[in-house]
Amino acid sequence: MKSNLYRVAALVVLTQGASANAVDRALAQLDPEERAHQACVILGVDTLRKDRVLPHADRMKTGVLGRAKVVGNRVITTGGAVRANHHWYRISFSCTVTKNRMRATAFTYKIGPEIPRKKWSDIGLWP
């Protein structure tokens, strides 16, 4: 399972260059809850880039500063983190996913303050 997570995380960075089939195959191997999280990460990073809020966003974690919840077809977190230009920032978001949790269809967010580098290793972040 862990290797599948790394595969999906790598695909987030390469989504624009990766085929939809490759992303679908990686997501399909995950349990439904993790699939929902990863679908939201993919749409979230893309949304932040397109909105130019964090145009260099390249990683997102859904629950490093608090547990993310899956409620029906939504993933909700106030404790996420997003990386851009080798800096991590807090992020809160609500994301709607399809019934099979293979795609995120809506992503609303609020970017919080930068997370100090000295806290990164304690909460599972990296440069």
Protein backbone atom coordinates (compact mmCIF):
# COMPACT_ATOMS: atom_id res chain seq x y z
CA MET A 1 0.00 0.00 0.00
CA LYS A 2 2.77 2.45 0.90
CA SER A 3 4.39 2.13 -2.54
CA ASN A 4 1.02 2.99 -4.10
CA LEU A 5 0.90 6.18 -2.04
CA TYR A 6 4.34 7.17 -3.27
CA ARG A 7 3.26 6.42 -6.83
CA VAL A 8 0.20 8.65 -6.47
CA ALA A 9 2.25 11.39 -4.80
CA ALA A 10 4.70 11.30 -7.69
CA LEU A 11 1.82 11.47 -10.14
CA VAL A 12 0.57 14.67 -8.50
CA VAL A 13 3.75 16.38 -9.64
CA LEU A 14 3.56 14.84 -13.08
CA THR A 15 -0.21 14.99 -13.55
CA GLN A 16 0.00 17.29 -16.51
CA GLY A 17 2.43 14.92 -18.23
CA ALA A 18 0.94 11.66 -16.97
CA SER A 19 -1.77 9.84 -18.80
CA ALA A 20 -5.18 9.71 -17.18
CA ASN A 21 -4.93 5.92 -17.32
CA ALA A 22 -1.74 5.89 -15.23
CA VAL A 23 -3.33 8.10 -12.59
CA ASP A 24 -6.50 5.99 -12.59
CA ARG A 25 -4.52 2.75 -12.18
CA ALA A 26 -2.61 4.17 -9.21
CA LEU A 27 -5.75 5.53 -7.54
CA ALA A 28 -7.70 2.31 -8.10
CA GLN A 29 -5.15 0.41 -5.99
CA LEU A 30 -5.84 2.54 -2.91
CA ASP A 31 -8.54 1.93 -0.33
CA PRO A 32 -11.55 4.24 -0.92
CA GLU A 33 -10.74 6.69 1.88
CA GLU A 34 -7.13 7.14 0.82
CA ARG A 35 -8.27 7.38 -2.81
CA ALA A 36 -10.54 10.31 -1.83
CA HIS A 37 -7.62 12.06 -0.09
CA GLN A 38 -5.33 11.61 -3.09
CA ALA A 39 -8.00 12.72 -5.58
CA CYS A 40 -8.34 15.92 -3.52
CA VAL A 41 -4.57 16.39 -3.42
CA ILE A 42 -4.40 16.15 -7.21
CA LEU A 43 -7.18 18.68 -7.74
CA GLY A 44 -5.93 20.87 -4.88
CA VAL A 45 -2.40 21.27 -6.24
CA ASP A 46 -3.79 21.96 -9.70
CA THR A 47 -6.27 24.52 -8.32
CA LEU A 48 -3.60 26.38 -6.34
CA ARG A 49 -1.40 26.58 -9.43
CA LYS A 50 -4.24 27.77 -11.68
CA ASP A 51 -5.50 30.31 -9.14
CA ARG A 52 -1.92 31.60 -8.88
CA VAL A 53 -2.25 31.56 -5.10
CA LEU A 54 0.75 29.24 -4.93
CA PRO A 55 1.72 28.82 -8.60
CA HIS A 56 4.67 26.60 -7.69
CA ALA A 57 2.72 24.24 -5.41
CA ASP A 58 3.99 20.71 -5.85
CA ARG A 59 2.96 18.71 -2.76
CA MET A 60 0.01 18.58 -0.40
CA LYS A 61 -0.78 16.53 2.69
CA THR A 62 -4.31 16.34 4.00
CA GLY A 63 -3.76 15.77 7.70
CA VAL A 64 -0.42 16.75 9.19
CA LEU A 65 -1.69 19.30 11.71
CA GLY A 66 -5.04 17.66 12.36
CA ARG A 67 -6.91 14.68 11.04
CA ALA A 68 -8.78 15.08 7.76
CA LYS A 69 -12.33 13.70 7.71
CA VAL A 70 -14.19 11.95 4.96
CA VAL A 71 -17.88 12.78 5.32
CA GLY A 72 -20.00 11.26 2.57
CA ASN A 73 -18.46 12.44 -0.66
CA ARG A 74 -16.34 15.20 0.91
CA VAL A 75 -12.86 15.38 2.39
CA ILE A 76 -12.58 18.16 4.96
CA THR A 77 -9.48 19.32 6.80
CA THR A 78 -8.27 22.25 8.83
CA GLY A 79 -4.88 20.62 9.36
CA GLY A 80 -3.44 20.15 5.90
CA ALA A 81 -0.17 21.42 4.48
CA VAL A 82 0.89 22.48 1.00
CA ARG A 83 4.42 22.97 -0.30
CA ALA A 84 5.50 25.65 -2.77
CA ASN A 85 9.06 26.79 -3.51
CA HIS A 86 10.35 24.49 -0.74
CA HIS A 87 8.19 26.19 1.90
CA TRP A 88 5.23 24.53 3.62
CA TYR A 89 2.01 26.39 4.45
CA ARG A 90 -1.08 25.44 6.42
CA ILE A 91 -4.15 24.75 4.34
CA SER A 92 -7.78 24.16 5.22
CA PHE A 93 -10.02 22.78 2.54
CA SER A 94 -13.24 21.07 1.60
CA CYS A 95 -13.16 18.83 -1.43
CA THR A 96 -15.99 16.97 -3.12
CA VAL A 97 -15.27 13.60 -4.76
CA THR A 98 -17.21 11.34 -7.07
CA LYS A 99 -19.08 8.34 -5.67
CA ASN A 100 -16.23 5.97 -6.59
CA ARG A 101 -13.74 8.51 -5.16
CA MET A 102 -11.64 8.43 -8.31
CA ARG A 103 -12.03 12.15 -9.06
CA ALA A 104 -12.35 15.35 -7.11
CA THR A 105 -14.98 17.65 -8.57
CA ALA A 106 -14.76 20.73 -6.33
CA PHE A 107 -12.05 22.19 -4.10
CA THR A 108 -12.41 25.22 -1.83
CA TYR A 109 -9.54 26.28 0.39
CA LYS A 110 -7.92 28.80 2.67
CA ILE A 111 -4.14 29.14 2.83
CA GLY A 112 -2.76 29.73 6.30
CA PRO A 113 0.62 30.83 7.60
CA GLU A 114 3.93 29.28 6.66
CA ILE A 115 4.92 26.31 8.82
CA PRO A 116 8.34 26.93 10.44
CA ARG A 117 11.07 24.63 9.14
CA LYS A 118 11.97 23.58 12.69
CA LYS A 119 8.56 21.85 12.95
CA TRP A 120 8.74 19.95 9.66
CA SER A 121 10.33 16.71 10.85
CA ASP A 122 7.97 16.50 13.85
CA ILE A 123 4.91 16.55 11.60
CA GLY A 124 6.20 14.54 8.65
CA LEU A 125 7.18 17.26 6.19
CA TRP A 126 10.35 17.50 4.14
CA PRO A 127 12.28 20.19 2.20
